[in-house]
């Protein structure tokens, strides 16, 4: 339906341009309706939801794990359900998660949560069914969890995907430059730059602090 509306819009636009150029219509002025800013939640509420996902034993385990990944890394649910055990690794004794090419070292509560999620996954009996590697296996052997039921489960516990993801990405954009953040989240640098503009961060201080830290590190190694 959306694609059909877009096609009709393009055809109407082409006709109006053609008619105006050939003098078949009066001069038209069409107002542009810009995109609305994405919905964002209060940072305190965002933090409380994240802490609830990480520590509240009364929440379902899949809701806690998926909610933590949305609230902490701003990931689409379609990306989350497609994660497998191969996306997990280890570095310096810490569990890592690879959302793109660059592994992310996970904080202890989230690492423990994902390890528990793997240990408590449903196991299907039968020689024809190989062990699932999905972090969020579906009801059918070999398939991952569908996004629809998981999204409804998250909403039931107060985790609204759009505002949760928006708030997470804005907070991350405030902490890291686009060139650093993009390969961590599996996003294009231009997309991360849009989030940077939304939060209005100035990276001059960040880059200067990072340069000083690198210089201090070089000096300590030469002593």
Protein backbone atom coordinates (compact mmCIF):
# COMPACT_ATOMS: atom_id res chain seq x y z
CA UNK A 1 0.00 0.00 0.00
CA UNK A 2 2.79 2.44 0.90
CA UNK A 3 4.63 1.64 -2.34
CA UNK A 4 1.44 2.22 -4.35
CA UNK A 5 0.92 5.62 -2.69
CA UNK A 6 4.53 6.56 -3.47
CA UNK A 7 4.04 5.62 -7.13
CA UNK A 8 0.87 7.75 -7.35
CA UNK A 9 2.72 10.66 -5.73
CA UNK A 10 5.54 10.46 -8.28
CA UNK A 11 3.05 10.31 -11.17
CA UNK A 12 1.14 13.33 -9.85
CA UNK A 13 4.36 15.27 -9.38
CA UNK A 14 5.49 14.49 -12.93
CA UNK A 15 2.15 15.57 -14.38
CA UNK A 16 2.15 18.87 -12.47
CA UNK A 17 5.70 19.66 -13.61
CA UNK A 18 4.79 18.83 -17.22
CA UNK A 19 1.63 20.97 -17.09
CA UNK A 20 3.40 23.97 -15.58
CA UNK A 21 6.28 23.89 -18.08
CA UNK A 22 3.85 23.90 -21.02
CA UNK A 23 1.63 26.63 -19.64
CA UNK A 24 -1.35 24.38 -19.09
CA UNK A 25 -1.70 25.39 -15.44
CA UNK A 26 -1.24 28.37 -13.22
CA UNK A 27 1.88 28.65 -11.08
CA UNK A 28 1.56 26.35 -8.11
CA UNK A 29 3.12 26.56 -4.68
CA UNK A 30 3.09 23.31 -2.75
CA UNK A 31 4.06 23.34 0.91
CA UNK A 32 6.50 20.68 2.06
CA UNK A 33 5.60 18.61 5.08
CA UNK A 34 8.83 17.74 6.81
CA UNK A 35 9.42 14.62 8.81
CA UNK A 36 8.50 14.83 12.46
CA UNK A 37 11.18 14.31 15.05
CA UNK A 38 11.28 10.74 16.37
CA UNK A 39 9.57 10.14 19.67
CA UNK A 40 11.91 10.22 22.65
CA UNK A 41 11.37 9.21 26.28
CA UNK A 42 12.62 10.81 29.44
CA UNK A 43 16.20 9.72 30.16
CA UNK A 44 15.33 8.80 33.73
CA UNK A 45 12.49 6.54 32.56
CA UNK A 46 14.81 5.04 29.95
CA UNK A 47 17.41 4.23 32.63
CA UNK A 48 14.76 2.74 34.93
CA UNK A 49 13.49 0.46 32.14
CA UNK A 50 17.01 -0.70 31.36
CA UNK A 51 17.70 -1.50 35.01
CA UNK A 52 14.41 -3.38 35.19
CA UNK A 53 15.33 -5.47 32.16
CA UNK A 54 18.76 -6.27 33.57
CA UNK A 55 17.69 -7.14 37.12
CA UNK A 56 13.94 -7.78 37.49
CA UNK A 57 13.43 -11.54 37.86
CA UNK A 58 9.66 -11.16 37.50
CA UNK A 59 10.00 -10.21 33.82
CA UNK A 60 10.15 -12.99 31.21
CA UNK A 61 13.73 -13.78 30.24
CA UNK A 62 13.26 -13.08 26.52
CA UNK A 63 11.68 -9.70 27.31
CA UNK A 64 14.59 -8.80 29.57
CA UNK A 65 17.22 -9.77 26.99
CA UNK A 66 15.55 -8.18 23.97
CA UNK A 67 14.58 -5.08 25.94
CA UNK A 68 18.15 -4.62 27.16
CA UNK A 69 19.49 -4.75 23.60
CA UNK A 70 16.95 -2.17 22.44
CA UNK A 71 17.47 0.14 25.41
CA UNK A 72 21.26 -0.15 25.49
CA UNK A 73 22.20 -0.31 21.80
CA UNK A 74 19.13 1.03 19.96
CA UNK A 75 18.82 -2.07 17.81
CA UNK A 76 15.88 -2.90 15.55
CA UNK A 77 13.94 -5.92 16.77
CA UNK A 78 14.45 -7.61 13.39
CA UNK A 79 18.22 -7.48 14.01
CA UNK A 80 17.90 -8.71 17.57
CA UNK A 81 15.90 -11.85 16.74
CA UNK A 82 18.45 -12.74 14.04
CA UNK A 83 21.36 -12.87 16.51
CA UNK A 84 23.01 -16.25 17.05
CA UNK A 85 25.60 -17.67 19.42
CA UNK A 86 28.18 -16.91 16.70
CA UNK A 87 27.67 -13.20 17.39
CA UNK A 88 29.02 -13.75 20.91
CA UNK A 89 32.70 -14.01 21.75
CA UNK A 90 35.22 -13.29 24.46
CA UNK A 91 37.92 -10.68 24.96
CA UNK A 92 40.08 -10.32 28.07
CA UNK A 93 37.73 -12.60 29.98
CA UNK A 94 34.64 -10.53 29.08
CA UNK A 95 31.71 -11.59 26.92
CA UNK A 96 31.45 -9.65 23.66
CA UNK A 97 28.59 -9.11 21.25
CA UNK A 98 29.15 -8.41 17.57
CA UNK A 99 26.36 -6.35 16.06
CA UNK A 100 28.48 -5.67 12.97
CA UNK A 101 32.22 -6.13 12.49
CA UNK A 102 33.41 -4.68 15.81
CA UNK A 103 32.82 -6.71 19.00
CA UNK A 104 31.34 -4.82 21.96
CA UNK A 105 32.43 -5.75 25.47
CA UNK A 106 29.26 -6.29 27.46
CA UNK A 107 28.68 -5.11 31.03
CA UNK A 108 28.39 -7.93 33.57
CA UNK A 109 24.59 -7.90 34.04
CA UNK A 110 23.89 -8.05 30.30
CA UNK A 111 26.54 -10.73 29.75
CA UNK A 112 24.99 -12.87 32.49
CA UNK A 113 21.53 -12.30 31.01
CA UNK A 114 22.55 -13.46 27.53
CA UNK A 115 24.41 -16.48 28.90
CA UNK A 116 21.30 -17.46 30.84
CA UNK A 117 19.19 -16.93 27.73
CA UNK A 118 21.36 -19.44 25.86
CA UNK A 119 21.27 -21.97 28.70
CA UNK A 120 17.48 -21.83 28.99
CA UNK A 121 16.59 -21.93 25.30
CA UNK A 122 13.98 -24.54 24.35
CA UNK A 123 15.51 -27.74 23.02
CA UNK A 124 13.76 -29.73 20.30
CA UNK A 125 14.00 -33.48 20.39
CA UNK A 126 14.62 -35.63 17.34
CA UNK A 127 17.69 -36.41 15.27
CA UNK A 128 16.44 -34.31 12.37
CA UNK A 129 16.52 -31.16 14.45
CA UNK A 130 20.01 -29.79 14.96
CA UNK A 131 20.61 -27.69 18.10
CA UNK A 132 19.48 -24.11 17.52
CA UNK A 133 22.07 -21.34 17.48
CA UNK A 134 19.49 -18.54 17.64
CA UNK A 135 19.54 -16.43 20.78
CA UNK A 136 15.79 -16.09 20.32
CA UNK A 137 14.60 -19.36 18.76
CA UNK A 138 11.10 -19.56 17.36
CA UNK A 139 8.43 -22.15 17.90
CA UNK A 140 9.50 -24.00 14.75
CA UNK A 141 12.84 -25.82 14.73
CA UNK A 142 15.45 -23.94 12.70
CA UNK A 143 13.61 -20.59 12.78
CA UNK A 144 14.21 -17.57 14.97
CA UNK A 145 11.55 -15.76 16.97
CA UNK A 146 9.06 -13.63 15.04
CA UNK A 147 9.24 -9.92 15.74
CA UNK A 148 5.49 -9.42 16.13
CA UNK A 149 4.89 -11.53 19.26
CA UNK A 150 8.12 -10.30 20.83
CA UNK A 151 7.20 -6.67 20.17
CA UNK A 152 3.83 -7.22 21.82
CA UNK A 153 5.51 -8.86 24.81
CA UNK A 154 7.84 -5.87 25.18
CA UNK A 155 4.94 -3.40 24.90
CA UNK A 156 3.02 -5.34 27.53
CA UNK A 157 5.84 -4.61 29.97
CA UNK A 158 6.09 -0.93 29.08
CA UNK A 159 8.95 -1.09 26.56
CA UNK A 160 7.88 0.95 23.54
CA UNK A 161 10.25 0.13 20.74
CA UNK A 162 10.39 3.42 18.87
CA UNK A 163 10.94 5.75 21.81
CA UNK A 164 13.28 3.26 23.53
CA UNK A 165 15.43 2.93 20.43
CA UNK A 166 15.42 6.68 19.73
CA UNK A 167 16.52 7.55 23.27
CA UNK A 168 19.28 4.93 23.20
CA UNK A 169 20.70 6.17 19.90
CA UNK A 170 20.64 9.81 20.97
CA UNK A 171 22.46 8.96 24.19
CA UNK A 172 25.06 6.92 22.30
CA UNK A 173 25.54 9.72 19.78
CA UNK A 174 26.23 12.07 22.67
CA UNK A 175 29.00 9.79 23.95
CA UNK A 176 30.80 8.76 20.74
CA UNK A 177 31.60 10.29 17.35
CA UNK A 178 29.82 8.78 14.32
CA UNK A 179 32.99 7.15 12.95
CA UNK A 180 33.41 5.27 16.24
CA UNK A 181 29.75 4.42 16.84
CA UNK A 182 28.75 3.29 13.33
CA UNK A 183 30.88 0.09 13.15
CA UNK A 184 29.77 -0.88 16.65
CA UNK A 185 26.06 -0.75 15.87
CA UNK A 186 26.14 -1.88 12.25
CA UNK A 187 24.87 1.48 10.99
CA UNK A 188 26.05 3.73 8.17
CA UNK A 189 28.10 6.72 9.29
CA UNK A 190 25.63 9.08 7.61
CA UNK A 191 22.79 7.61 9.68
CA UNK A 192 24.74 8.06 12.90
CA UNK A 193 25.51 11.64 11.86
CA UNK A 194 21.77 12.30 11.71
CA UNK A 195 21.45 11.15 15.32
CA UNK A 196 24.42 13.35 16.18
CA UNK A 197 22.66 16.37 14.72
CA UNK A 198 19.55 15.55 16.74
CA UNK A 199 21.45 15.63 20.02
CA UNK A 200 23.57 18.64 18.95
CA UNK A 201 26.80 17.25 20.35
CA UNK A 202 30.12 18.99 19.91
CA UNK A 203 32.90 16.42 19.41
CA UNK A 204 35.78 18.87 19.76
CA UNK A 205 36.18 18.25 23.48
CA UNK A 206 35.88 14.49 22.98
CA UNK A 207 38.57 14.38 20.30
CA UNK A 208 40.90 16.60 22.30
CA UNK A 209 40.50 14.39 25.40
CA UNK A 210 41.11 11.28 23.31
CA UNK A 211 44.23 12.82 21.77
CA UNK A 212 45.57 13.70 25.22
CA UNK A 213 44.90 10.14 26.43
CA UNK A 214 46.77 8.68 23.44
CA UNK A 215 49.70 11.01 23.99
CA UNK A 216 49.80 10.11 27.68
CA UNK A 217 49.76 6.44 26.77
CA UNK A 218 52.70 6.86 24.38
CA UNK A 219 54.69 8.75 27.02
CA UNK A 220 54.08 6.02 29.62
CA UNK A 221 55.31 3.31 27.24
CA UNK A 222 58.52 5.19 26.43
CA UNK A 223 59.52 5.68 30.04
